[in-house]
C-alpha atoms as a PDB file:
ATOM      1  CA  GLN A   1     -66.814  26.828 171.258  1.00  0.00           C
ATOM      2  CA  VAL A   2     -69.527  28.322 169.060  1.00  0.00           C
ATOM      3  CA  GLN A   3     -72.456  30.472 170.078  1.00  0.00           C
ATOM      4  CA  LEU A   4     -75.550  31.244 168.572  1.00  0.00           C
ATOM      5  CA  VAL A   5     -77.299  34.640 169.961  1.00  0.00           C
ATOM      6  CA  GLU A   6     -81.069  35.342 168.866  1.00  0.00           C
ATOM      7  CA  SER A   7     -82.963  38.595 169.174  1.00  0.00           C
ATOM      8  CA  GLY A   8     -85.978  40.385 167.727  1.00  0.00           C
ATOM      9  CA  GLY A   9     -88.705  38.600 169.445  1.00  0.00           C
ATOM     10  CA  GLY A  10     -91.598  40.070 171.144  1.00  0.00           C
ATOM     11  CA  LEU A  11     -95.693  40.770 171.593  1.00  0.00           C
ATOM     12  CA  VAL A  12     -97.000  41.475 168.377  1.00  0.00           C
ATOM     13  CA  GLN A  13    -100.811  41.557 167.309  1.00  0.00           C
ATOM     14  CA  PRO A  14    -102.178  39.516 164.741  1.00  0.00           C
ATOM     15  CA  GLY A  15    -101.518  40.586 161.305  1.00  0.00           C
ATOM     16  CA  GLY A  16     -98.404  42.026 162.221  1.00  0.00           C
ATOM     17  CA  SER A  17     -94.702  41.423 161.655  1.00  0.00           C
ATOM     18  CA  LEU A  18     -91.344  40.734 163.437  1.00  0.00           C
ATOM     19  CA  ARG A  19     -87.946  40.037 162.140  1.00  0.00           C
ATOM     20  CA  LEU A  20     -85.807  37.360 164.071  1.00  0.00           C
ATOM     21  CA  SER A  21     -81.922  37.243 163.852  1.00  0.00           C
ATOM     22  CA  CYS A  22     -79.330  34.989 164.883  1.00  0.00           C
ATOM     23  CA  ALA A  23     -75.942  35.745 164.716  1.00  0.00           C
ATOM     24  CA  ALA A  24     -72.917  32.989 165.321  1.00  0.00           C
ATOM     25  CA  SER A  25     -69.737  33.621 167.188  1.00  0.00           C
ATOM     26  CA  GLY A  26     -66.646  31.881 168.358  1.00  0.00           C
ATOM     27  CA  SER A  27     -64.541  29.478 166.489  1.00  0.00           C
ATOM     28  CA  ILE A  28     -65.854  29.378 163.082  1.00  0.00           C
ATOM     29  CA  PHE A  29     -64.155  27.895 159.852  1.00  0.00           C
ATOM     30  CA  ARG A  30     -67.281  27.325 157.894  1.00  0.00           C
ATOM     31  CA  ILE A  31     -71.165  27.395 158.399  1.00  0.00           C
ATOM     32  CA  GLY A  32     -73.627  25.458 155.757  1.00  0.00           C
ATOM     33  CA  ALA A  33     -77.544  25.183 156.304  1.00  0.00           C
ATOM     34  CA  MET A  34     -78.896  27.244 158.682  1.00  0.00           C
ATOM     35  CA  GLY A  35     -82.699  27.329 159.859  1.00  0.00           C
ATOM     36  CA  TRP A  36     -85.174  28.246 162.380  1.00  0.00           C
ATOM     37  CA  TYR A  37     -87.639  25.816 164.399  1.00  0.00           C
ATOM     38  CA  ARG A  38     -90.299  26.890 166.846  1.00  0.00           C
ATOM     39  CA  GLN A  39     -92.002  25.154 169.813  1.00  0.00           C
ATOM     40  CA  ALA A  40     -95.368  26.431 170.810  1.00  0.00           C
ATOM     41  CA  PRO A  41     -96.867  25.182 174.429  1.00  0.00           C
ATOM     42  CA  GLU A  42     -97.831  21.738 174.639  1.00  0.00           C
ATOM     43  CA  LYS A  43     -96.362  21.279 171.292  1.00  0.00           C
ATOM     44  CA  GLU A  44     -93.130  19.581 169.655  1.00  0.00           C
ATOM     45  CA  ARG A  45     -90.560  21.453 168.223  1.00  0.00           C
ATOM     46  CA  GLU A  46     -91.095  21.865 164.623  1.00  0.00           C
ATOM     47  CA  LEU A  47     -88.913  23.093 161.493  1.00  0.00           C
ATOM     48  CA  VAL A  48     -90.047  26.591 160.515  1.00  0.00           C
ATOM     49  CA  ALA A  49     -87.456  27.016 157.470  1.00  0.00           C
ATOM     50  CA  ASP A  50     -84.024  26.322 156.250  1.00  0.00           C
ATOM     51  CA  ILE A  51     -81.607  27.676 153.832  1.00  0.00           C
ATOM     52  CA  SER A  52     -78.648  25.857 152.294  1.00  0.00           C
ATOM     53  CA  VAL A  53     -75.378  27.524 151.363  1.00  0.00           C
ATOM     54  CA  GLY A  54     -76.570  28.037 147.848  1.00  0.00           C
ATOM     55  CA  GLY A  55     -79.695  29.860 149.134  1.00  0.00           C
ATOM     56  CA  ARG A  56     -82.166  27.074 148.468  1.00  0.00           C
ATOM     57  CA  THR A  57     -85.006  27.524 150.896  1.00  0.00           C
ATOM     58  CA  LYS A  58     -87.759  25.224 152.448  1.00  0.00           C
ATOM     59  CA  TYR A  59     -90.640  26.429 154.668  1.00  0.00           C
ATOM     60  CA  ALA A  60     -93.574  24.583 156.574  1.00  0.00           C
ATOM     61  CA  ASP A  61     -96.729  24.658 155.056  1.00  0.00           C
ATOM     62  CA  SER A  62     -98.205  26.815 157.683  1.00  0.00           C
ATOM     63  CA  VAL A  63     -95.732  29.730 157.330  1.00  0.00           C
ATOM     64  CA  LYS A  64     -95.085  29.566 153.429  1.00  0.00           C
ATOM     65  CA  GLY A  65     -95.881  32.830 151.772  1.00  0.00           C
ATOM     66  CA  ARG A  66     -95.952  34.602 154.958  1.00  0.00           C
ATOM     67  CA  PHE A  67     -92.248  33.932 156.669  1.00  0.00           C
ATOM     68  CA  THR A  68     -89.066  34.706 154.546  1.00  0.00           C
ATOM     69  CA  ILE A  69     -85.953  33.030 155.569  1.00  0.00           C
ATOM     70  CA  SER A  70     -82.049  34.579 154.477  1.00  0.00           C
ATOM     71  CA  ARG A  71     -78.818  34.547 155.313  1.00  0.00           C
ATOM     72  CA  ASP A  72     -75.793  36.826 155.338  1.00  0.00           C
ATOM     73  CA  ASP A  73     -72.363  35.078 155.405  1.00  0.00           C
ATOM     74  CA  THR A  74     -70.340  37.817 156.022  1.00  0.00           C
ATOM     75  CA  LYS A  75     -72.123  38.370 159.642  1.00  0.00           C
ATOM     76  CA  ASN A  76     -72.471  34.768 160.135  1.00  0.00           C
ATOM     77  CA  THR A  77     -76.284  35.634 160.478  1.00  0.00           C
ATOM     78  CA  VAL A  78     -79.622  33.902 159.855  1.00  0.00           C
ATOM     79  CA  LEU A  79     -82.742  36.091 159.616  1.00  0.00           C
ATOM     80  CA  LEU A  80     -86.286  35.207 159.605  1.00  0.00           C
ATOM     81  CA  GLN A  81     -89.014  38.033 158.530  1.00  0.00           C
ATOM     82  CA  MET A  82     -92.273  37.034 159.812  1.00  0.00           C
ATOM     83  CA  ASN A  83     -95.265  38.834 158.324  1.00  0.00           C
ATOM     84  CA  SER A  84     -99.132  38.749 158.656  1.00  0.00           C
ATOM     85  CA  LEU A  85     -98.587  36.864 162.120  1.00  0.00           C
ATOM     86  CA  LYS A  86    -101.405  34.558 163.450  1.00  0.00           C
ATOM     87  CA  LEU A  87    -102.171  33.439 167.027  1.00  0.00           C
ATOM     88  CA  GLU A  88    -100.921  30.004 166.102  1.00  0.00           C
ATOM     89  CA  ASP A  89     -97.429  31.379 165.432  1.00  0.00           C
ATOM     90  CA  THR A  90     -96.888  32.044 169.269  1.00  0.00           C
ATOM     91  CA  ALA A  91     -93.890  29.969 170.205  1.00  0.00           C
ATOM     92  CA  VAL A  92     -90.276  30.042 171.304  1.00  0.00           C
ATOM     93  CA  TYR A  93     -88.239  30.273 167.942  1.00  0.00           C
ATOM     94  CA  TYR A  94     -84.713  28.718 168.037  1.00  0.00           C
ATOM     95  CA  CYS A  95     -82.157  29.388 165.387  1.00  0.00           C
ATOM     96  CA  THR A  96     -79.759  26.526 164.225  1.00  0.00           C
ATOM     97  CA  MET A  97     -76.787  26.166 162.068  1.00  0.00           C
ATOM     98  CA  LYS A  98     -74.287  23.475 160.765  1.00  0.00           C
ATOM     99  CA  VAL A  99     -70.616  24.682 161.443  1.00  0.00           C
ATOM    100  CA  VAL A 100     -67.087  23.330 160.612  1.00  0.00           C
ATOM    101  CA  GLY A 101     -65.381  24.974 163.946  1.00  0.00           C
ATOM    102  CA  ASP A 102     -61.705  23.679 163.039  1.00  0.00           C
ATOM    103  CA  TYR A 103     -60.491  23.177 159.566  1.00  0.00           C
ATOM    104  CA  ALA A 104     -58.178  20.307 161.375  1.00  0.00           C
ATOM    105  CA  VAL A 105     -61.216  18.668 162.548  1.00  0.00           C
ATOM    106  CA  TYR A 106     -63.551  19.055 159.249  1.00  0.00           C
ATOM    107  CA  VAL A 107     -66.885  18.023 160.480  1.00  0.00           C
ATOM    108  CA  TYR A 108     -70.084  19.826 160.832  1.00  0.00           C
ATOM    109  CA  SER A 109     -71.644  20.046 164.186  1.00  0.00           C
ATOM    110  CA  ASP A 110     -75.298  21.568 164.969  1.00  0.00           C
ATOM    111  CA  TYR A 111     -75.472  24.430 167.201  1.00  0.00           C
ATOM    112  CA  TRP A 112     -78.566  25.858 168.783  1.00  0.00           C
ATOM    113  CA  GLY A 113     -79.802  29.525 169.786  1.00  0.00           C
ATOM    114  CA  GLN A 114     -81.023  30.104 173.181  1.00  0.00           C
ATOM    115  CA  GLY A 115     -84.399  30.772 171.971  1.00  0.00           C
ATOM    116  CA  THR A 116     -86.702  33.751 171.749  1.00  0.00           C
ATOM    117  CA  GLN A 117     -90.258  34.282 172.540  1.00  0.00           C
ATOM    118  CA  VAL A 118     -92.735  35.393 169.955  1.00  0.00           C
ATOM    119  CA  THR A 119     -96.464  36.260 170.988  1.00  0.00           C
ATOM    120  CA  VAL A 120     -99.168  37.170 168.608  1.00  0.00           C
ATOM    121  CA  SER A 121    -101.913  38.234 170.896  1.00  0.00           C
ATOM    122  CA  SER A 122    -105.066  40.822 170.433  1.00  0.00           C
END
């Protein structure tokens, strides 16, 4: 019984910035890796960035140097700061987390947010 709720999407001009937020709630014992994916129209879903418990990060080549992923474990939250946005960044962005929901069933499960639309247009 874990839910991930996203916020922060919207319409922005090329070169602008947005910050996406994703907060988990429900039955949470431990959260492992967190990440962001996106799916553009007529494109397959792709990994944008992820971050480990220890803070190690990975980025897609297309966003490296422009996007920054971070986490706040006190709030069960993952953030994506997006700068220098381009038209090709337009997509629905989905957060994901690996969650242990019950210490008695100690297994990580993948959970996904509902998706938030990011549109970059002049």
